[in-house]
Full PDB file with SEQRES, HELIX, SHEET, SSBOND, CRYST1, ORIGX, SCALE, CONECT and MASTER records, all heavy atoms in Angstrom:
SEQRES   1 A   38  ALA ALA ARG GLY ALA GLN VAL GLN VAL PHE ASP PRO ALA          
SEQRES   2 A   38  GLY ARG PRO GLY ARG HIS ALA CYS SER TRP TRP ALA GLY          
SEQRES   3 A   38  GLY MET LEU ALA PRO TYR CYS GLU PHE GLU ASN ALA              
HELIX    1 AA1 CYS A   21  TRP A   24  5                                   4    
HELIX    2 AA2 PRO A   31  GLU A   34  1                                   4    
CRYST1    1.000    1.000    1.000  90.00  90.00  90.00 P 1           1          
ORIGX1      1.000000  0.000000  0.000000        0.00000                         
ORIGX2      0.000000  1.000000  0.000000        0.00000                         
ORIGX3      0.000000  0.000000  1.000000        0.00000                         
SCALE1      1.000000  0.000000  0.000000        0.00000                         
SCALE2      0.000000  1.000000  0.000000        0.00000                         
SCALE3      0.000000  0.000000  1.000000        0.00000                         
ATOM      1  N   ALA A   1      -1.039  -1.322  14.939  1.00  0.00           N  
ATOM      2  CA  ALA A   1      -1.127  -2.570  15.653  1.00  0.00           C  
ATOM      3  C   ALA A   1       0.240  -2.983  16.259  1.00  0.00           C  
ATOM      4  O   ALA A   1       0.288  -3.490  17.351  1.00  0.00           O  
ATOM      5  CB  ALA A   1      -1.694  -3.705  14.739  1.00  0.00           C  
ATOM      6  N   ALA A   2       1.296  -2.745  15.512  1.00  0.00           N  
ATOM      7  CA  ALA A   2       2.608  -3.080  15.987  1.00  0.00           C  
ATOM      8  C   ALA A   2       3.020  -2.201  17.223  1.00  0.00           C  
ATOM      9  O   ALA A   2       3.803  -2.661  18.041  1.00  0.00           O  
ATOM     10  CB  ALA A   2       3.666  -2.842  14.876  1.00  0.00           C  
ATOM     11  N   ARG A   3       2.405  -1.088  17.365  1.00  0.00           N  
ATOM     12  CA  ARG A   3       2.663  -0.201  18.493  1.00  0.00           C  
ATOM     13  C   ARG A   3       1.669  -0.450  19.650  1.00  0.00           C  
ATOM     14  O   ARG A   3       1.604   0.312  20.589  1.00  0.00           O  
ATOM     15  CB  ARG A   3       2.662   1.219  18.099  1.00  0.00           C  
ATOM     16  CG  ARG A   3       3.697   1.614  17.054  1.00  0.00           C  
ATOM     17  CD  ARG A   3       3.909   3.135  16.992  1.00  0.00           C  
ATOM     18  NE  ARG A   3       4.672   3.575  15.834  1.00  0.00           N  
ATOM     19  CZ  ARG A   3       5.067   4.767  15.622  1.00  0.00           C  
ATOM     20  NH1 ARG A   3       4.734   5.754  16.486  1.00  0.00           N  
ATOM     21  NH2 ARG A   3       5.755   5.082  14.538  1.00  0.00           N  
ATOM     22  N   GLY A   4       0.826  -1.480  19.482  1.00  0.00           N  
ATOM     23  CA  GLY A   4      -0.105  -1.844  20.571  1.00  0.00           C  
ATOM     24  C   GLY A   4      -1.448  -1.209  20.519  1.00  0.00           C  
ATOM     25  O   GLY A   4      -2.233  -1.377  21.467  1.00  0.00           O  
ATOM     26  N   ALA A   5      -1.785  -0.477  19.469  1.00  0.00           N  
ATOM     27  CA  ALA A   5      -3.095   0.175  19.379  1.00  0.00           C  
ATOM     28  C   ALA A   5      -4.174  -0.830  18.934  1.00  0.00           C  
ATOM     29  O   ALA A   5      -3.895  -1.779  18.211  1.00  0.00           O  
ATOM     30  CB  ALA A   5      -3.002   1.347  18.425  1.00  0.00           C  
ATOM     31  N   GLN A   6      -5.399  -0.557  19.329  1.00  0.00           N  
ATOM     32  CA  GLN A   6      -6.524  -1.305  18.889  1.00  0.00           C  
ATOM     33  C   GLN A   6      -7.026  -0.736  17.555  1.00  0.00           C  
ATOM     34  O   GLN A   6      -7.252   0.472  17.410  1.00  0.00           O  
ATOM     35  CB  GLN A   6      -7.682  -1.320  19.894  1.00  0.00           C  
ATOM     36  CG  GLN A   6      -7.373  -2.140  21.151  1.00  0.00           C  
ATOM     37  CD  GLN A   6      -8.610  -2.221  22.026  1.00  0.00           C  
ATOM     38  OE1 GLN A   6      -9.224  -1.229  22.402  1.00  0.00           O  
ATOM     39  NE2 GLN A   6      -8.975  -3.473  22.353  1.00  0.00           N  
ATOM     40  N   VAL A   7      -7.201  -1.567  16.576  1.00  0.00           N  
ATOM     41  CA  VAL A   7      -7.513  -1.146  15.169  1.00  0.00           C  
ATOM     42  C   VAL A   7      -8.591  -1.983  14.571  1.00  0.00           C  
ATOM     43  O   VAL A   7      -8.693  -3.207  14.880  1.00  0.00           O  
ATOM     44  CB  VAL A   7      -6.229  -1.263  14.346  1.00  0.00           C  
ATOM     45  CG1 VAL A   7      -6.489  -0.770  12.895  1.00  0.00           C  
ATOM     46  CG2 VAL A   7      -5.090  -0.424  14.888  1.00  0.00           C  
ATOM     47  N   GLN A   8      -9.412  -1.386  13.730  1.00  0.00           N  
ATOM     48  CA  GLN A   8     -10.282  -2.116  12.827  1.00  0.00           C  
ATOM     49  C   GLN A   8     -10.219  -1.443  11.498  1.00  0.00           C  
ATOM     50  O   GLN A   8      -9.987  -0.228  11.377  1.00  0.00           O  
ATOM     51  CB  GLN A   8     -11.754  -2.159  13.381  1.00  0.00           C  
ATOM     52  CG  GLN A   8     -12.368  -0.810  13.630  1.00  0.00           C  
ATOM     53  CD  GLN A   8     -13.765  -0.938  14.197  1.00  0.00           C  
ATOM     54  OE1 GLN A   8     -14.389  -2.004  14.122  1.00  0.00           O  
ATOM     55  NE2 GLN A   8     -14.285   0.153  14.750  1.00  0.00           N  
ATOM     56  N   VAL A   9     -10.472  -2.191  10.426  1.00  0.00           N  
ATOM     57  CA  VAL A   9     -10.379  -1.744   9.029  1.00  0.00           C  
ATOM     58  C   VAL A   9     -11.658  -1.989   8.322  1.00  0.00           C  
ATOM     59  O   VAL A   9     -12.233  -3.027   8.380  1.00  0.00           O  
ATOM     60  CB  VAL A   9      -9.183  -2.399   8.345  1.00  0.00           C  
ATOM     61  CG1 VAL A   9      -9.077  -1.961   6.885  1.00  0.00           C  
ATOM     62  CG2 VAL A   9      -7.850  -2.208   9.043  1.00  0.00           C  
ATOM     63  N   PHE A  10     -12.111  -0.931   7.602  1.00  0.00           N  
ATOM     64  CA  PHE A  10     -13.337  -1.002   6.805  1.00  0.00           C  
ATOM     65  C   PHE A  10     -12.960  -0.809   5.348  1.00  0.00           C  
ATOM     66  O   PHE A  10     -12.333   0.198   4.972  1.00  0.00           O  
ATOM     67  CB  PHE A  10     -14.297   0.052   7.277  1.00  0.00           C  
ATOM     68  CG  PHE A  10     -14.877  -0.084   8.598  1.00  0.00           C  
ATOM     69  CD1 PHE A  10     -14.157   0.390   9.698  1.00  0.00           C  
ATOM     70  CD2 PHE A  10     -16.063  -0.728   8.828  1.00  0.00           C  
ATOM     71  CE1 PHE A  10     -14.696   0.246  11.008  1.00  0.00           C  
ATOM     72  CE2 PHE A  10     -16.598  -0.887  10.085  1.00  0.00           C  
ATOM     73  CZ  PHE A  10     -15.888  -0.383  11.210  1.00  0.00           C  
ATOM     74  N   ASP A  11     -13.459  -1.722   4.496  1.00  0.00           N  
ATOM     75  CA  ASP A  11     -13.359  -1.569   3.016  1.00  0.00           C  
ATOM     76  C   ASP A  11     -14.529  -2.312   2.410  1.00  0.00           C  
ATOM     77  O   ASP A  11     -14.583  -3.557   2.531  1.00  0.00           O  
ATOM     78  CB  ASP A  11     -12.025  -2.035   2.528  1.00  0.00           C  
ATOM     79  CG  ASP A  11     -11.730  -1.547   1.078  1.00  0.00           C  
ATOM     80  OD1 ASP A  11     -12.700  -1.622   0.257  1.00  0.00           O  
ATOM     81  OD2 ASP A  11     -10.629  -1.182   0.802  1.00  0.00           O  
ATOM     82  N   PRO A  12     -15.410  -1.631   1.746  1.00  0.00           N  
ATOM     83  CA  PRO A  12     -16.519  -2.372   1.118  1.00  0.00           C  
ATOM     84  C   PRO A  12     -16.133  -3.424   0.121  1.00  0.00           C  
ATOM     85  O   PRO A  12     -16.898  -4.370  -0.122  1.00  0.00           O  
ATOM     86  CB  PRO A  12     -17.333  -1.199   0.433  1.00  0.00           C  
ATOM     87  CG  PRO A  12     -16.963   0.016   1.130  1.00  0.00           C  
ATOM     88  CD  PRO A  12     -15.480  -0.184   1.520  1.00  0.00           C  
ATOM     89  N   ALA A  13     -14.967  -3.295  -0.493  1.00  0.00           N  
ATOM     90  CA  ALA A  13     -14.488  -4.216  -1.460  1.00  0.00           C  
ATOM     91  C   ALA A  13     -13.895  -5.503  -0.784  1.00  0.00           C  
ATOM     92  O   ALA A  13     -13.575  -6.453  -1.504  1.00  0.00           O  
ATOM     93  CB  ALA A  13     -13.438  -3.658  -2.388  1.00  0.00           C  
ATOM     94  N   GLY A  14     -13.697  -5.485   0.489  1.00  0.00           N  
ATOM     95  CA  GLY A  14     -13.182  -6.642   1.187  1.00  0.00           C  
ATOM     96  C   GLY A  14     -11.678  -6.777   1.049  1.00  0.00           C  
ATOM     97  O   GLY A  14     -10.938  -5.818   1.161  1.00  0.00           O  
ATOM     98  N   ARG A  15     -11.250  -7.998   0.790  1.00  0.00           N  
ATOM     99  CA  ARG A  15      -9.832  -8.288   0.724  1.00  0.00           C  
ATOM    100  C   ARG A  15      -9.130  -7.545  -0.418  1.00  0.00           C  
ATOM    101  O   ARG A  15      -9.796  -7.220  -1.397  1.00  0.00           O  
ATOM    102  CB  ARG A  15      -9.592  -9.795   0.581  1.00  0.00           C  
ATOM    103  CG  ARG A  15     -10.143 -10.646   1.727  1.00  0.00           C  
ATOM    104  CD  ARG A  15      -9.893 -12.077   1.552  1.00  0.00           C  
ATOM    105  NE  ARG A  15      -8.461 -12.371   1.516  1.00  0.00           N  
ATOM    106  CZ  ARG A  15      -7.718 -12.613   2.599  1.00  0.00           C  
ATOM    107  NH1 ARG A  15      -8.315 -12.575   3.780  1.00  0.00           N  
ATOM    108  NH2 ARG A  15      -6.453 -12.870   2.534  1.00  0.00           N  
ATOM    109  N   PRO A  16      -7.825  -7.377  -0.387  1.00  0.00           N  
ATOM    110  CA  PRO A  16      -7.103  -6.763  -1.511  1.00  0.00           C  
ATOM    111  C   PRO A  16      -7.397  -7.481  -2.812  1.00  0.00           C  
ATOM    112  O   PRO A  16      -7.456  -8.747  -2.856  1.00  0.00           O  
ATOM    113  CB  PRO A  16      -5.693  -6.838  -1.050  1.00  0.00           C  
ATOM    114  CG  PRO A  16      -5.664  -6.962   0.376  1.00  0.00           C  
ATOM    115  CD  PRO A  16      -6.899  -7.745   0.726  1.00  0.00           C  
ATOM    116  N   GLY A  17      -7.470  -6.749  -3.924  1.00  0.00           N  
ATOM    117  CA  GLY A  17      -7.750  -7.323  -5.199  1.00  0.00           C  
ATOM    118  C   GLY A  17      -7.647  -6.264  -6.308  1.00  0.00           C  
ATOM    119  O   GLY A  17      -7.069  -5.191  -6.110  1.00  0.00           O  
ATOM    120  N   ARG A  18      -8.170  -6.623  -7.491  1.00  0.00           N  
ATOM    121  CA  ARG A  18      -8.050  -5.813  -8.672  1.00  0.00           C  
ATOM    122  C   ARG A  18      -8.654  -4.390  -8.517  1.00  0.00           C  
ATOM    123  O   ARG A  18      -8.327  -3.507  -9.228  1.00  0.00           O  
ATOM    124  CB  ARG A  18      -8.711  -6.527  -9.875  1.00  0.00           C  
ATOM    125  CG  ARG A  18      -8.048  -7.863 -10.198  1.00  0.00           C  
ATOM    126  CD  ARG A  18      -8.950  -8.559 -11.237  1.00  0.00           C  
ATOM    127  NE  ARG A  18      -8.959  -7.836 -12.497  1.00  0.00           N  
ATOM    128  CZ  ARG A  18      -8.068  -7.951 -13.531  1.00  0.00           C  
ATOM    129  NH1 ARG A  18      -7.109  -8.841 -13.398  1.00  0.00           N  
ATOM    130  NH2 ARG A  18      -8.178  -7.293 -14.602  1.00  0.00           N  
ATOM    131  N   HIS A  19      -9.536  -4.230  -7.530  1.00  0.00           N  
ATOM    132  CA  HIS A  19     -10.166  -2.971  -7.340  1.00  0.00           C  
ATOM    133  C   HIS A  19      -9.201  -1.906  -6.736  1.00  0.00           C  
ATOM    134  O   HIS A  19      -9.467  -0.714  -6.780  1.00  0.00           O  
ATOM    135  CB  HIS A  19     -11.364  -3.098  -6.385  1.00  0.00           C  
ATOM    136  CG  HIS A  19     -10.972  -3.739  -5.056  1.00  0.00           C  
ATOM    137  ND1 HIS A  19     -10.947  -5.134  -4.932  1.00  0.00           N  
ATOM    138  CD2 HIS A  19     -10.585  -3.218  -3.889  1.00  0.00           C  
ATOM    139  CE1 HIS A  19     -10.565  -5.395  -3.689  1.00  0.00           C  
ATOM    140  NE2 HIS A  19     -10.319  -4.292  -3.066  1.00  0.00           N  
ATOM    141  N   ALA A  20      -8.130  -2.353  -6.137  1.00  0.00           N  
ATOM    142  CA  ALA A  20      -7.189  -1.463  -5.440  1.00  0.00           C  
ATOM    143  C   ALA A  20      -6.085  -0.946  -6.353  1.00  0.00           C  
ATOM    144  O   ALA A  20      -5.499  -1.747  -7.120  1.00  0.00           O  
ATOM    145  CB  ALA A  20      -6.555  -2.197  -4.280  1.00  0.00           C  
ATOM    146  N   CYS A  21      -5.817   0.321  -6.333  1.00  0.00           N  
ATOM    147  CA  CYS A  21      -4.748   0.885  -7.122  1.00  0.00           C  
ATOM    148  C   CYS A  21      -3.444   0.215  -6.845  1.00  0.00           C  
ATOM    149  O   CYS A  21      -2.642  -0.077  -7.759  1.00  0.00           O  
ATOM    150  CB  CYS A  21      -4.619   2.397  -6.799  1.00  0.00           C  
ATOM    151  SG  CYS A  21      -3.287   3.243  -7.615  1.00  0.00           S  
ATOM    152  N   SER A  22      -3.118  -0.122  -5.569  1.00  0.00           N  
ATOM    153  CA  SER A  22      -1.886  -0.725  -5.180  1.00  0.00           C  
ATOM    154  C   SER A  22      -1.792  -2.151  -5.723  1.00  0.00           C  
ATOM    155  O   SER A  22      -0.643  -2.690  -5.721  1.00  0.00           O  
ATOM    156  CB  SER A  22      -1.728  -0.702  -3.664  1.00  0.00           C  
ATOM    157  OG  SER A  22      -2.917  -1.020  -3.013  1.00  0.00           O  
ATOM    158  N   TRP A  23      -2.858  -2.807  -6.156  1.00  0.00           N  
ATOM    159  CA  TRP A  23      -2.774  -4.074  -6.730  1.00  0.00           C  
ATOM    160  C   TRP A  23      -1.973  -4.094  -8.044  1.00  0.00           C  
ATOM    161  O   TRP A  23      -1.345  -5.090  -8.449  1.00  0.00           O  
ATOM    162  CB  TRP A  23      -4.189  -4.596  -7.008  1.00  0.00           C  
ATOM    163  CG  TRP A  23      -4.344  -6.020  -7.352  1.00  0.00           C  
ATOM    164  CD1 TRP A  23      -4.602  -6.593  -8.582  1.00  0.00           C  
ATOM    165  CD2 TRP A  23      -4.333  -7.174  -6.478  1.00  0.00           C  
ATOM    166  NE1 TRP A  23      -4.745  -7.927  -8.498  1.00  0.00           N  
ATOM    167  CE2 TRP A  23      -4.538  -8.323  -7.219  1.00  0.00           C  
ATOM    168  CE3 TRP A  23      -4.111  -7.261  -5.066  1.00  0.00           C  
ATOM    169  CZ2 TRP A  23      -4.560  -9.566  -6.643  1.00  0.00           C  
ATOM    170  CZ3 TRP A  23      -4.131  -8.499  -4.519  1.00  0.00           C  
ATOM    171  CH2 TRP A  23      -4.382  -9.665  -5.273  1.00  0.00           C  
ATOM    172  N   TRP A  24      -1.958  -2.912  -8.694  1.00  0.00           N  
ATOM    173  CA  TRP A  24      -1.341  -2.793  -9.998  1.00  0.00           C  
ATOM    174  C   TRP A  24       0.076  -2.137  -9.912  1.00  0.00           C  
ATOM    175  O   TRP A  24       0.624  -1.700 -10.900  1.00  0.00           O  
ATOM    176  CB  TRP A  24      -2.201  -2.003 -10.908  1.00  0.00           C  
ATOM    177  CG  TRP A  24      -3.566  -2.573 -11.112  1.00  0.00           C  
ATOM    178  CD1 TRP A  24      -4.720  -2.205 -10.518  1.00  0.00           C  
ATOM    179  CD2 TRP A  24      -3.856  -3.731 -11.872  1.00  0.00           C  
ATOM    180  NE1 TRP A  24      -5.722  -3.004 -10.901  1.00  0.00           N  
ATOM    181  CE2 TRP A  24      -5.216  -3.963 -11.741  1.00  0.00           C  
ATOM    182  CE3 TRP A  24      -3.098  -4.557 -12.682  1.00  0.00           C  
ATOM    183  CZ2 TRP A  24      -5.939  -5.001 -12.361  1.00  0.00           C  
ATOM    184  CZ3 TRP A  24      -3.772  -5.625 -13.316  1.00  0.00           C  
ATOM    185  CH2 TRP A  24      -5.148  -5.863 -13.171  1.00  0.00           C  
ATOM    186  N   ALA A  25       0.606  -2.004  -8.685  1.00  0.00           N  
ATOM    187  CA  ALA A  25       1.927  -1.286  -8.529  1.00  0.00           C  
ATOM    188  C   ALA A  25       3.072  -2.194  -8.996  1.00  0.00           C  
ATOM    189  O   ALA A  25       2.977  -3.397  -9.123  1.00  0.00           O  
ATOM    190  CB  ALA A  25       2.055  -0.900  -7.046  1.00  0.00           C  
ATOM    191  N   GLY A  26       4.210  -1.532  -9.178  1.00  0.00           N  
ATOM    192  CA  GLY A  26       5.432  -2.193  -9.489  1.00  0.00           C  
ATOM    193  C   GLY A  26       6.119  -2.865  -8.352  1.00  0.00           C  
ATOM    194  O   GLY A  26       6.775  -3.874  -8.416  1.00  0.00           O  
ATOM    195  N   GLY A  27       5.943  -2.222  -7.135  1.00  0.00           N  
ATOM    196  CA  GLY A  27       6.549  -2.807  -5.913  1.00  0.00           C  
ATOM    197  C   GLY A  27       8.030  -2.535  -5.802  1.00  0.00           C  
ATOM    198  O   GLY A  27       8.717  -3.173  -5.027  1.00  0.00           O  
ATOM    199  N   MET A  28       8.525  -1.526  -6.489  1.00  0.00           N  
ATOM    200  CA  MET A  28       9.958  -1.219  -6.447  1.00  0.00           C  
ATOM    201  C   MET A  28      10.259  -0.335  -5.250  1.00  0.00           C  
ATOM    202  O   MET A  28       9.653   0.701  -5.059  1.00  0.00           O  
ATOM    203  CB  MET A  28      10.378  -0.605  -7.712  1.00  0.00           C  
ATOM    204  CG  MET A  28      10.330  -1.464  -8.913  1.00  0.00           C  
ATOM    205  SD  MET A  28      10.844  -0.656 -10.469  1.00  0.00           S  
ATOM    206  CE  MET A  28       9.557   0.573 -10.576  1.00  0.00           C  
ATOM    207  N   LEU A  29      11.187  -0.772  -4.404  1.00  0.00           N  
ATOM    208  CA  LEU A  29      11.663   0.008  -3.292  1.00  0.00           C  
ATOM    209  C   LEU A  29      12.935   0.672  -3.703  1.00  0.00           C  
ATOM    210  O   LEU A  29      14.022   0.205  -3.322  1.00  0.00           O  
ATOM    211  CB  LEU A  29      11.781  -0.912  -2.079  1.00  0.00           C  
ATOM    212  CG  LEU A  29      10.546  -1.733  -1.723  1.00  0.00           C  
ATOM    213  CD1 LEU A  29      10.802  -2.637  -0.565  1.00  0.00           C  
ATOM    214  CD2 LEU A  29       9.345  -0.838  -1.474  1.00  0.00           C  
ATOM    215  N   ALA A  30      12.802   1.701  -4.489  1.00  0.00           N  
ATOM    216  CA  ALA A  30      13.968   2.270  -5.263  1.00  0.00           C  
ATOM    217  C   ALA A  30      14.065   3.745  -5.027  1.00  0.00           C  
ATOM    218  O   ALA A  30      13.842   4.557  -5.916  1.00  0.00           O  
ATOM    219  CB  ALA A  30      13.789   1.971  -6.751  1.00  0.00           C  
ATOM    220  N   PRO A  31      14.469   4.133  -3.820  1.00  0.00           N  
ATOM    221  CA  PRO A  31      14.494   5.598  -3.497  1.00  0.00           C  
ATOM    222  C   PRO A  31      15.515   6.353  -4.371  1.00  0.00           C  
ATOM    223  O   PRO A  31      15.313   7.536  -4.712  1.00  0.00           O  
ATOM    224  CB  PRO A  31      14.873   5.643  -2.050  1.00  0.00           C  
ATOM    225  CG  PRO A  31      15.525   4.351  -1.753  1.00  0.00           C  
ATOM    226  CD  PRO A  31      14.842   3.314  -2.666  1.00  0.00           C  
ATOM    227  N   TYR A  32      16.643   5.732  -4.672  1.00  0.00           N  
ATOM    228  CA  TYR A  32      17.702   6.436  -5.446  1.00  0.00           C  
ATOM    229  C   TYR A  32      17.231   6.675  -6.859  1.00  0.00           C  
ATOM    230  O   TYR A  32      17.422   7.760  -7.400  1.00  0.00           O  
ATOM    231  CB  TYR A  32      18.982   5.665  -5.371  1.00  0.00           C  
ATOM    232  CG  TYR A  32      19.590   5.565  -4.006  1.00  0.00           C  
ATOM    233  CD1 TYR A  32      19.459   4.442  -3.222  1.00  0.00           C  
ATOM    234  CD2 TYR A  32      20.309   6.639  -3.453  1.00  0.00           C  
ATOM    235  CE1 TYR A  32      19.957   4.387  -1.942  1.00  0.00           C  
ATOM    236  CE2 TYR A  32      20.873   6.585  -2.205  1.00  0.00           C  
ATOM    237  CZ  TYR A  32      20.676   5.455  -1.438  1.00  0.00           C  
ATOM    238  OH  TYR A  32      21.194   5.389  -0.141  1.00  0.00           O  
ATOM    239  N   CYS A  33      16.623   5.679  -7.479  1.00  0.00           N  
ATOM    240  CA  CYS A  33      16.145   5.867  -8.849  1.00  0.00           C  
ATOM    241  C   CYS A  33      15.007   6.871  -8.883  1.00  0.00           C  
ATOM    242  O   CYS A  33      14.988   7.717  -9.795  1.00  0.00           O  
ATOM    243  CB  CYS A  33      15.665   4.536  -9.419  1.00  0.00           C  
ATOM    244  SG  CYS A  33      16.988   3.406  -9.914  1.00  0.00           S  
ATOM    245  N   GLU A  34      14.103   6.785  -7.939  1.00  0.00           N  
ATOM    246  CA  GLU A  34      12.972   7.746  -7.966  1.00  0.00           C  
ATOM    247  C   GLU A  34      13.397   9.180  -7.764  1.00  0.00           C  
ATOM    248  O   GLU A  34      12.751  10.093  -8.219  1.00  0.00           O  
ATOM    249  CB  GLU A  34      11.938   7.318  -6.803  1.00  0.00           C  
ATOM    250  CG  GLU A  34      11.212   6.067  -7.117  1.00  0.00           C  
ATOM    251  CD  GLU A  34      10.328   6.178  -8.418  1.00  0.00           C  
ATOM    252  OE1 GLU A  34       9.556   7.139  -8.496  1.00  0.00           O  
ATOM    253  OE2 GLU A  34      10.508   5.294  -9.269  1.00  0.00           O  
ATOM    254  N   PHE A  35      14.561   9.324  -7.069  1.00  0.00           N  
ATOM    255  CA  PHE A  35      15.053  10.660  -6.825  1.00  0.00           C  
ATOM    256  C   PHE A  35      15.433  11.444  -8.087  1.00  0.00           C  
ATOM    257  O   PHE A  35      15.535  12.630  -8.098  1.00  0.00           O  
ATOM    258  CB  PHE A  35      16.270  10.571  -5.881  1.00  0.00           C  
ATOM    259  CG  PHE A  35      16.833  11.928  -5.468  1.00  0.00           C  
ATOM    260  CD1 PHE A  35      16.005  12.902  -4.923  1.00  0.00           C  
ATOM    261  CD2 PHE A  35      18.160  12.239  -5.562  1.00  0.00           C  
ATOM    262  CE1 PHE A  35      16.500  14.153  -4.495  1.00  0.00           C  
ATOM    263  CE2 PHE A  35      18.692  13.440  -5.172  1.00  0.00           C  
ATOM    264  CZ  PHE A  35      17.862  14.396  -4.597  1.00  0.00           C  
ATOM    265  N   GLU A  36      15.544  10.692  -9.220  1.00  0.00           N  
ATOM    266  CA  GLU A  36      15.891  11.320 -10.496  1.00  0.00           C  
ATOM    267  C   GLU A  36      14.854  12.407 -10.873  1.00  0.00           C  
ATOM    268  O   GLU A  36      15.243  13.442 -11.460  1.00  0.00           O  
ATOM    269  CB  GLU A  36      16.001  10.269 -11.554  1.00  0.00           C  
ATOM    270  CG  GLU A  36      16.522  10.808 -12.903  1.00  0.00           C  
ATOM    271  CD  GLU A  36      15.373  11.165 -13.870  1.00  0.00           C  
ATOM    272  OE1 GLU A  36      14.264  10.681 -13.698  1.00  0.00           O  
ATOM    273  OE2 GLU A  36      15.700  11.947 -14.801  1.00  0.00           O  
ATOM    274  N   ASN A  37      13.605  12.188 -10.523  1.00  0.00           N  
ATOM    275  CA  ASN A  37      12.554  13.182 -10.843  1.00  0.00           C  
ATOM    276  C   ASN A  37      11.559  13.354  -9.715  1.00  0.00           C  
ATOM    277  O   ASN A  37      10.364  13.645  -9.973  1.00  0.00           O  
ATOM    278  CB  ASN A  37      11.838  12.788 -12.163  1.00  0.00           C  
ATOM    279  CG  ASN A  37      11.130  11.475 -12.067  1.00  0.00           C  
ATOM    280  OD1 ASN A  37      11.126  10.818 -11.052  1.00  0.00           O  
ATOM    281  ND2 ASN A  37      10.445  11.099 -13.145  1.00  0.00           N  
ATOM    282  N   ALA A  38      12.003  13.198  -8.494  1.00  0.00           N  
ATOM    283  CA  ALA A  38      11.169  13.378  -7.337  1.00  0.00           C  
ATOM    284  C   ALA A  38      11.801  14.280  -6.336  1.00  0.00           C  
ATOM    285  O   ALA A  38      12.968  14.674  -6.445  1.00  0.00           O  
ATOM    286  CB  ALA A  38      10.893  11.993  -6.715  1.00  0.00           C  
TER     287      ALA A  38                                                      
MASTER        0    0    0    2    0    0    0    6  286    1    0    3          
END                                                                             
């Protein structure tokens, strides 16, 4: 969308919530720490 494309999104579960794996994430933007074993 930021690049001007037309987009639509489908998800039977609707809005983000407990059903999504990413709902339970830590949210750390830590590339240097992750590099220890990545």
